[in-house]
């Protein structure tokens, strides 16, 4: 698995901070100009086509300046003009797996690192929209900061311009992306134009849709494959507002959901499973069926042990075995009424057999791992596993390898 962030040494200064990684084939199939590309040399002494690359990348096998141009190596490269205009920026990667053709990377010479902003073939790629948020959720995995980061709009637009046109899916998250206002609409418009067949999934608390003209503006974009993941933690304001630590949030979210539906926006409801919310899961399921029938998907999600959740473990944590009654009731209530339901971030072995068909391998590959206890499990390839940073205090009871019979029964 490629690292998400990796050390690198730089010789020269970058002209562009964001670059698409290419080799011969991927460059031929790409519409990105060479100055927005980083040529990935297969070996330290590989010949490089003489084009004005944004950077030339080499692995850890030798010095970065051992990579030579096609002219210096006296090698003809089909489809390229032999001119001495190659990049003066050489980047040596500490790990050969740090970049691959099709990736979009961010150069961070001041830190001696590169960061992967998009990874071809990953099961989840997300644009980070903002650090700001108008909620303060008890289990927030990305604690908000009130900073001026509207610059991220242009940053996202540059990333989108470098993506493969056949990108299978793309997420947008934060913080609260809707705080970017018209800037977010501009990004969605760029996604529509650049990636018309790519499903876009935006994580938002939905609150600003009820108090601004954002629903109409997003509806006007007419993106053909856009879905909004909106959290609703209970059927009553007191519980929802407590979890998000914001008075009035339940009312704003419900108003936002209704306006989103009225403008034809596709909605997914997300429910993080915590001790304060589990008892009301059956009531929430009925509430969603009655009041948010337009939801195309309902996802019940295991807690991610990072961010604010670490400080709030005691009021939040509930073992999956202790929630199986209300969770099973809620899932079946929705599924039996034709609503699509999924379980995220929960290993298969800790779920009742009747819930396993709803479980998804949901954790992003760069932050997913399996435990020693998972060795020999027949369901491993379909299981969400665990977050990379899970600690013993967050491990559920009943972790064990499943056998073939149990997998077939599920």
Protein backbone atom coordinates (compact mmCIF):
# COMPACT_ATOMS: atom_id res chain seq x y z
CA UNK A 1 0.00 0.00 0.00
CA UNK A 2 1.27 3.47 -0.87
CA UNK A 3 1.96 5.85 2.03
CA UNK A 4 -0.32 8.87 2.19
CA UNK A 5 2.53 11.19 3.12
CA UNK A 6 6.18 10.34 2.51
CA UNK A 7 9.67 11.85 2.91
CA UNK A 8 11.53 13.08 -0.15
CA UNK A 9 14.64 15.12 -0.97
CA UNK A 10 14.48 18.06 -3.38
CA UNK A 11 17.09 19.43 -5.77
CA UNK A 12 15.67 22.61 -7.26
CA UNK A 13 12.54 24.62 -6.57
CA UNK A 14 9.05 23.67 -7.76
CA UNK A 15 7.18 25.95 -10.14
CA UNK A 16 3.88 24.17 -9.41
CA UNK A 17 3.03 22.69 -6.03
CA UNK A 18 0.47 20.18 -7.39
CA UNK A 19 1.53 17.72 -10.08
CA UNK A 20 0.19 14.63 -11.78
CA UNK A 21 2.56 11.65 -11.70
CA UNK A 22 3.10 10.13 -15.14
CA UNK A 23 5.08 7.55 -17.06
CA UNK A 24 5.05 7.12 -20.83
CA UNK A 25 1.62 5.49 -21.15
CA UNK A 26 -0.20 7.61 -18.58
CA UNK A 27 1.21 10.81 -20.07
CA UNK A 28 0.11 9.76 -23.55
CA UNK A 29 -3.43 9.19 -22.24
CA UNK A 30 -3.49 12.39 -20.17
CA UNK A 31 -4.44 15.90 -21.22
CA UNK A 32 -2.24 17.50 -18.55
CA UNK A 33 0.63 19.64 -19.90
CA UNK A 34 4.14 18.41 -19.01
CA UNK A 35 4.79 21.36 -16.69
CA UNK A 36 1.90 20.12 -14.52
CA UNK A 37 3.29 16.58 -14.50
CA UNK A 38 5.96 14.76 -12.52
CA UNK A 39 7.77 12.18 -14.63
CA UNK A 40 8.33 8.99 -12.61
CA UNK A 41 11.62 7.35 -13.57
CA UNK A 42 11.48 3.56 -13.33
CA UNK A 43 15.17 3.40 -12.37
CA UNK A 44 17.69 5.99 -11.17
CA UNK A 45 19.49 5.87 -14.53
CA UNK A 46 16.33 5.86 -16.68
CA UNK A 47 16.09 8.15 -19.67
CA UNK A 48 13.55 10.94 -19.39
CA UNK A 49 11.79 12.51 -22.39
CA UNK A 50 13.04 16.06 -22.92
CA UNK A 51 9.91 17.96 -21.98
CA UNK A 52 9.46 20.78 -19.46
CA UNK A 53 8.30 18.52 -16.62
CA UNK A 54 7.13 20.05 -13.38
CA UNK A 55 9.46 17.57 -11.66
CA UNK A 56 11.32 14.34 -12.24
CA UNK A 57 10.83 11.71 -9.54
CA UNK A 58 13.24 8.91 -8.79
CA UNK A 59 13.21 6.14 -6.23
CA UNK A 60 15.61 5.54 -3.35
CA UNK A 61 18.11 3.57 -5.44
CA UNK A 62 20.44 6.49 -6.15
CA UNK A 63 20.80 10.27 -6.26
CA UNK A 64 18.00 12.18 -7.89
CA UNK A 65 20.35 13.80 -10.39
CA UNK A 66 21.31 10.37 -11.71
CA UNK A 67 18.10 10.53 -13.76
CA UNK A 68 19.18 11.74 -17.18
CA UNK A 69 17.35 13.35 -20.05
CA UNK A 70 16.71 11.59 -23.34
CA UNK A 71 19.26 13.90 -25.02
CA UNK A 72 21.95 13.14 -22.41
CA UNK A 73 21.35 9.41 -22.77
CA UNK A 74 21.20 9.66 -26.58
CA UNK A 75 17.85 7.85 -26.53
CA UNK A 76 15.04 8.50 -28.97
CA UNK A 77 11.64 8.71 -27.23
CA UNK A 78 8.73 8.32 -29.69
CA UNK A 79 6.38 11.27 -29.79
CA UNK A 80 8.75 13.73 -28.13
CA UNK A 81 10.93 16.45 -29.58
CA UNK A 82 14.54 16.26 -28.49
CA UNK A 83 15.11 19.57 -26.87
CA UNK A 84 16.98 20.45 -23.72
CA UNK A 85 14.02 21.80 -21.74
CA UNK A 86 13.72 19.15 -19.04
CA UNK A 87 12.84 19.99 -15.46
CA UNK A 88 15.49 21.40 -13.17
CA UNK A 89 13.57 19.98 -10.19
CA UNK A 90 14.64 16.52 -9.14
CA UNK A 91 12.80 14.78 -6.32
CA UNK A 92 14.17 11.62 -4.77
CA UNK A 93 11.56 9.54 -2.98
CA UNK A 94 12.52 7.78 0.24
CA UNK A 95 10.06 4.98 -0.61
CA UNK A 96 9.54 3.63 -4.11
CA UNK A 97 5.82 3.18 -3.39
CA UNK A 98 5.32 6.83 -2.46
CA UNK A 99 4.05 7.74 -5.94
CA UNK A 100 2.61 5.90 -8.92
CA UNK A 101 1.39 6.91 -12.39
CA UNK A 102 -1.98 8.63 -12.23
CA UNK A 103 -1.50 10.00 -8.71
CA UNK A 104 -1.74 13.69 -7.93
CA UNK A 105 0.92 14.77 -5.46
CA UNK A 106 1.66 17.91 -3.49
CA UNK A 107 5.30 18.96 -3.24
CA UNK A 108 6.35 20.13 0.22
CA UNK A 109 10.07 20.96 -0.10
CA UNK A 110 10.11 23.02 3.09
CA UNK A 111 9.13 19.87 4.98
CA UNK A 112 11.10 17.45 2.83
CA UNK A 113 7.98 15.48 1.94
CA UNK A 114 5.42 14.78 -0.74
CA UNK A 115 1.74 14.28 0.01
CA UNK A 116 -0.63 12.20 -2.10
CA UNK A 117 -3.75 14.24 -2.89
CA UNK A 118 -5.27 11.64 -5.20
CA UNK A 119 -4.21 8.03 -5.58
CA UNK A 120 -5.26 6.09 -8.63
CA UNK A 121 -6.80 2.76 -7.60
CA UNK A 122 -7.50 3.76 -3.98
CA UNK A 123 -10.90 2.86 -2.54
CA UNK A 124 -11.45 6.41 -1.29
CA UNK A 125 -10.11 9.74 -2.56
CA UNK A 126 -11.27 12.93 -0.88
CA UNK A 127 -10.79 16.65 -1.42
CA UNK A 128 -10.35 18.46 1.88
CA UNK A 129 -12.50 21.60 1.65
CA UNK A 130 -12.00 23.48 4.94
CA UNK A 131 -10.95 23.15 8.56
CA UNK A 132 -13.89 25.28 9.70
CA UNK A 133 -17.18 23.89 10.97
CA UNK A 134 -20.39 25.24 12.50
CA UNK A 135 -20.81 22.11 14.64
CA UNK A 136 -18.51 20.74 17.33
CA UNK A 137 -19.33 17.03 17.34
CA UNK A 138 -18.23 14.99 20.33
CA UNK A 139 -16.61 12.37 18.09
CA UNK A 140 -15.28 14.63 15.32
CA UNK A 141 -12.34 12.93 13.58
CA UNK A 142 -11.15 16.26 12.14
CA UNK A 143 -11.41 18.82 14.99
CA UNK A 144 -12.36 22.18 13.48
CA UNK A 145 -10.28 25.33 13.51
CA UNK A 146 -11.66 28.78 12.79
CA UNK A 147 -9.16 29.82 10.15
CA UNK A 148 -9.36 31.67 6.86
CA UNK A 149 -8.92 28.87 4.34
CA UNK A 150 -10.97 30.03 1.39
CA UNK A 151 -7.74 29.48 -0.58
CA UNK A 152 -8.66 25.81 -0.59
CA UNK A 153 -11.23 26.48 -3.33
CA UNK A 154 -8.48 27.21 -5.86
CA UNK A 155 -6.46 24.33 -4.45
CA UNK A 156 -9.31 21.88 -5.07
CA UNK A 157 -9.88 23.26 -8.57
CA UNK A 158 -6.23 22.60 -9.42
CA UNK A 159 -6.47 19.02 -8.14
CA UNK A 160 -9.69 18.37 -10.10
CA UNK A 161 -8.02 19.64 -13.29
CA UNK A 162 -5.33 16.95 -12.93
CA UNK A 163 -7.60 13.99 -12.19
CA UNK A 164 -8.18 11.12 -14.58
CA UNK A 165 -11.41 11.70 -16.48
CA UNK A 166 -12.43 8.14 -15.65
CA UNK A 167 -11.95 8.65 -11.88
CA UNK A 168 -14.31 6.06 -10.31
CA UNK A 169 -15.46 8.25 -7.41
CA UNK A 170 -14.45 11.34 -5.43
CA UNK A 171 -15.33 12.68 -1.99
CA UNK A 172 -15.38 16.22 -0.59
CA UNK A 173 -15.09 16.67 3.17
CA UNK A 174 -13.96 19.01 5.92
CA UNK A 175 -14.76 20.66 8.30
CA UNK A 176 -18.03 21.80 6.83
CA UNK A 177 -17.71 22.25 3.05
CA UNK A 178 -20.82 24.43 2.73
CA UNK A 179 -19.01 27.20 4.62
CA UNK A 180 -17.18 27.84 1.34
CA UNK A 181 -20.50 28.98 -0.14
CA UNK A 182 -20.15 29.92 -3.80
CA UNK A 183 -16.63 28.48 -3.77
CA UNK A 184 -18.04 25.01 -3.15
CA UNK A 185 -20.53 25.50 -5.97
CA UNK A 186 -17.59 26.41 -8.25
CA UNK A 187 -15.80 23.18 -7.28
CA UNK A 188 -18.93 21.11 -7.95
CA UNK A 189 -19.30 22.79 -11.33
CA UNK A 190 -15.69 21.93 -12.16
CA UNK A 191 -16.31 18.31 -11.14
CA UNK A 192 -19.36 18.20 -13.40
CA UNK A 193 -17.38 19.50 -16.37
CA UNK A 194 -14.13 17.60 -15.80
CA UNK A 195 -15.55 14.36 -14.37
CA UNK A 196 -19.11 14.04 -15.74
CA UNK A 197 -19.30 10.29 -15.06
CA UNK A 198 -17.65 10.35 -11.62
CA UNK A 199 -19.89 10.01 -8.54
CA UNK A 200 -19.17 12.87 -6.13
CA UNK A 201 -19.94 12.38 -2.43
CA UNK A 202 -19.93 15.46 -0.17
CA UNK A 203 -19.99 15.15 3.62
CA UNK A 204 -21.98 18.01 5.16
CA UNK A 205 -24.06 18.62 8.28
CA UNK A 206 -26.70 20.16 6.02
CA UNK A 207 -27.41 23.08 8.32
CA UNK A 208 -26.64 25.92 5.88
CA UNK A 209 -28.97 24.48 3.28
CA UNK A 210 -31.85 25.56 5.48
CA UNK A 211 -30.72 29.16 6.02
CA UNK A 212 -29.13 30.15 2.68
CA UNK A 213 -29.80 29.81 -1.03
CA UNK A 214 -27.23 27.04 -1.30
CA UNK A 215 -29.73 24.27 -2.13
CA UNK A 216 -30.97 26.19 -5.16
CA UNK A 217 -27.41 27.03 -6.25
CA UNK A 218 -26.27 23.41 -6.00
CA UNK A 219 -29.42 22.20 -7.72
CA UNK A 220 -28.68 24.57 -10.60
CA UNK A 221 -25.31 22.88 -11.16
CA UNK A 222 -27.24 19.78 -12.26
CA UNK A 223 -24.42 17.40 -11.45
CA UNK A 224 -25.62 13.98 -12.61
CA UNK A 225 -23.91 11.94 -9.87
CA UNK A 226 -23.78 14.08 -6.73
CA UNK A 227 -24.76 12.76 -3.29
CA UNK A 228 -24.70 14.54 0.07
CA UNK A 229 -23.88 12.57 3.23
CA UNK A 230 -25.72 14.32 6.08
CA UNK A 231 -25.60 13.13 9.72
CA UNK A 232 -28.77 12.81 11.78
CA UNK A 233 -28.12 11.24 15.14
CA UNK A 234 -31.60 10.99 16.64
CA UNK A 235 -35.26 11.63 16.03
CA UNK A 236 -35.32 14.28 18.77
CA UNK A 237 -33.48 17.59 19.01
CA UNK A 238 -32.09 17.06 22.49
CA UNK A 239 -29.97 14.04 21.53
CA UNK A 240 -28.85 15.31 18.11
CA UNK A 241 -27.93 18.76 19.44
CA UNK A 242 -25.99 17.19 22.32
CA UNK A 243 -23.90 15.03 19.99
CA UNK A 244 -23.08 17.93 17.65
CA UNK A 245 -22.71 20.35 20.59
CA UNK A 246 -24.81 23.04 18.94
CA UNK A 247 -28.25 24.21 20.08
CA UNK A 248 -30.75 24.38 17.24
CA UNK A 249 -28.75 22.11 14.94
CA UNK A 250 -31.52 19.50 14.66
CA UNK A 251 -34.04 22.04 13.41
CA UNK A 252 -31.54 23.55 10.97
CA UNK A 253 -30.55 20.12 9.66
CA UNK A 254 -34.17 19.05 9.12
CA UNK A 255 -34.96 22.32 7.35
CA UNK A 256 -31.85 21.82 5.22
CA UNK A 257 -32.81 18.24 4.32
CA UNK A 258 -36.28 19.31 3.22
CA UNK A 259 -34.91 22.11 1.03
CA UNK A 260 -32.28 19.80 -0.43
CA UNK A 261 -34.99 17.31 -1.37
CA UNK A 262 -37.12 20.06 -2.89
CA UNK A 263 -34.25 20.94 -5.25
CA UNK A 264 -33.70 17.34 -6.26
CA UNK A 265 -30.45 16.76 -4.36
CA UNK A 266 -29.52 13.16 -3.58
CA UNK A 267 -29.24 12.57 0.18
CA UNK A 268 -27.54 9.91 2.26
CA UNK A 269 -28.22 9.90 6.02
CA UNK A 270 -25.26 9.01 8.25
CA UNK A 271 -25.65 7.85 11.84
CA UNK A 272 -22.53 7.39 13.99
CA UNK A 273 -23.17 4.70 16.58
CA UNK A 274 -22.50 6.09 20.06
CA UNK A 275 -23.86 5.40 23.53
CA UNK A 276 -26.15 8.49 23.48
CA UNK A 277 -27.70 7.54 20.11
CA UNK A 278 -28.05 3.75 20.13
CA UNK A 279 -31.13 3.52 22.36
CA UNK A 280 -33.18 5.63 19.92
CA UNK A 281 -32.09 3.84 16.73
CA UNK A 282 -35.49 2.15 16.17
CA UNK A 283 -37.30 5.47 16.66
CA UNK A 284 -34.82 7.18 14.33
CA UNK A 285 -35.42 4.53 11.67
CA UNK A 286 -39.16 5.18 11.78
CA UNK A 287 -38.54 8.94 11.74
CA UNK A 288 -36.33 8.67 8.65
CA UNK A 289 -38.89 6.53 6.85
CA UNK A 290 -41.67 9.01 7.63
CA UNK A 291 -39.86 12.33 7.29
CA UNK A 292 -36.85 11.76 5.01
CA UNK A 293 -38.22 9.25 2.48
CA UNK A 294 -36.10 10.84 -0.26
CA UNK A 295 -32.89 9.48 1.33
CA UNK A 296 -31.20 7.17 -1.16
CA UNK A 297 -29.09 5.50 1.52
CA UNK A 298 -28.84 5.23 5.32
CA UNK A 299 -25.43 4.36 6.78
CA UNK A 300 -24.93 3.31 10.41
CA UNK A 301 -21.29 3.88 11.25
CA UNK A 302 -18.88 2.56 13.84
CA UNK A 303 -16.95 5.15 15.83
CA UNK A 304 -13.52 6.26 14.57
CA UNK A 305 -11.08 6.43 17.54
CA UNK A 306 -9.36 9.68 16.68
CA UNK A 307 -9.82 13.42 17.18
CA UNK A 308 -12.41 14.47 19.77
CA UNK A 309 -13.51 10.86 20.25
CA UNK A 310 -10.30 10.17 22.18
CA UNK A 311 -11.21 12.72 24.86
CA UNK A 312 -14.85 11.61 24.93
CA UNK A 313 -14.49 7.85 24.95
CA UNK A 314 -16.40 7.23 28.18
CA UNK A 315 -19.63 9.02 27.18
CA UNK A 316 -19.45 7.74 23.58
CA UNK A 317 -18.18 4.18 23.49
CA UNK A 318 -20.59 1.28 23.27
CA UNK A 319 -19.54 -2.22 22.33
CA UNK A 320 -21.18 -3.57 19.15
CA UNK A 321 -22.47 -6.54 21.14
CA UNK A 322 -24.40 -4.13 23.38
CA UNK A 323 -26.06 -2.37 20.44
CA UNK A 324 -27.06 -5.39 18.39
CA UNK A 325 -30.72 -5.33 19.53
CA UNK A 326 -31.65 -1.74 18.57
CA UNK A 327 -29.28 -1.75 15.58
CA UNK A 328 -30.80 -4.93 14.14
CA UNK A 329 -34.30 -3.54 14.65
CA UNK A 330 -33.44 -0.23 12.95
CA UNK A 331 -31.68 -1.84 9.98
CA UNK A 332 -34.51 -4.28 9.31
CA UNK A 333 -37.17 -1.59 9.78
CA UNK A 334 -35.63 0.46 6.96
CA UNK A 335 -34.63 -2.43 4.69
CA UNK A 336 -38.08 -4.01 4.92
CA UNK A 337 -39.56 -0.72 3.69
CA UNK A 338 -37.32 -0.56 0.64
CA UNK A 339 -34.64 1.83 1.92
CA UNK A 340 -30.99 1.03 1.18
CA UNK A 341 -29.03 0.46 4.40
CA UNK A 342 -25.33 -0.13 5.10
CA UNK A 343 -23.12 -0.70 8.12
CA UNK A 344 -19.73 1.04 8.02
CA UNK A 345 -16.54 0.66 10.08
CA UNK A 346 -17.67 -2.52 11.86
CA UNK A 347 -15.79 -5.84 11.53
CA UNK A 348 -17.99 -8.70 10.41
CA UNK A 349 -17.15 -10.99 13.30
CA UNK A 350 -18.74 -8.73 15.93
CA UNK A 351 -22.04 -8.41 14.07
CA UNK A 352 -25.00 -10.78 14.34
CA UNK A 353 -25.18 -13.03 11.27
CA UNK A 354 -28.37 -11.32 10.08
CA UNK A 355 -26.55 -7.95 9.91
CA UNK A 356 -23.44 -9.11 8.06
CA UNK A 357 -25.01 -8.74 4.58
CA UNK A 358 -25.39 -5.01 5.30
CA UNK A 359 -21.74 -4.50 6.31
CA UNK A 360 -19.37 -2.79 3.88
CA UNK A 361 -15.58 -2.72 3.54
CA UNK A 362 -15.76 0.99 4.22
CA UNK A 363 -12.49 2.10 5.81
CA UNK A 364 -10.13 3.89 3.41
CA UNK A 365 -7.27 1.59 2.45
CA UNK A 366 -4.58 3.98 3.72
CA UNK A 367 -6.00 3.90 7.25
CA UNK A 368 -7.25 0.31 7.42
CA UNK A 369 -5.60 -2.62 9.15
CA UNK A 370 -6.34 -6.09 10.45
CA UNK A 371 -5.36 -7.58 13.79
CA UNK A 372 -3.41 -10.74 14.54
CA UNK A 373 -6.75 -12.25 15.53
CA UNK A 374 -7.91 -11.77 11.92
CA UNK A 375 -5.38 -14.27 10.56
CA UNK A 376 -7.13 -17.09 8.75
CA UNK A 377 -10.50 -15.33 8.61
CA UNK A 378 -12.50 -16.47 5.57
CA UNK A 379 -14.26 -13.08 5.39
CA UNK A 380 -11.18 -10.88 5.53
CA UNK A 381 -11.38 -9.66 1.93
CA UNK A 382 -14.92 -8.37 2.51
CA UNK A 383 -14.44 -7.03 6.04
CA UNK A 384 -13.96 -3.38 7.03
CA UNK A 385 -11.31 -4.41 9.53
CA UNK A 386 -10.11 -1.72 11.91
CA UNK A 387 -8.77 1.82 11.80
CA UNK A 388 -4.99 1.99 11.73
CA UNK A 389 -4.93 3.90 15.02
CA UNK A 390 -7.28 1.64 17.01
CA UNK A 391 -6.05 0.96 20.55
CA UNK A 392 -7.00 -1.83 23.01
CA UNK A 393 -9.58 0.35 24.78
CA UNK A 394 -11.48 0.67 21.50
CA UNK A 395 -11.51 -2.99 20.50
CA UNK A 396 -14.91 -4.69 20.64
CA UNK A 397 -15.56 -8.01 22.29
CA UNK A 398 -15.83 -11.15 20.22
CA UNK A 399 -13.11 -10.51 17.62
CA UNK A 400 -12.35 -13.82 15.92
CA UNK A 401 -11.77 -15.32 12.47
CA UNK A 402 -14.93 -16.42 10.67
CA UNK A 403 -15.03 -19.79 8.93
CA UNK A 404 -16.31 -20.56 5.44
CA UNK A 405 -19.68 -21.75 6.72
CA UNK A 406 -20.29 -18.48 8.56
CA UNK A 407 -19.38 -16.48 5.45
CA UNK A 408 -21.80 -18.46 3.27
CA UNK A 409 -24.59 -18.09 5.84
CA UNK A 410 -24.11 -14.32 5.87
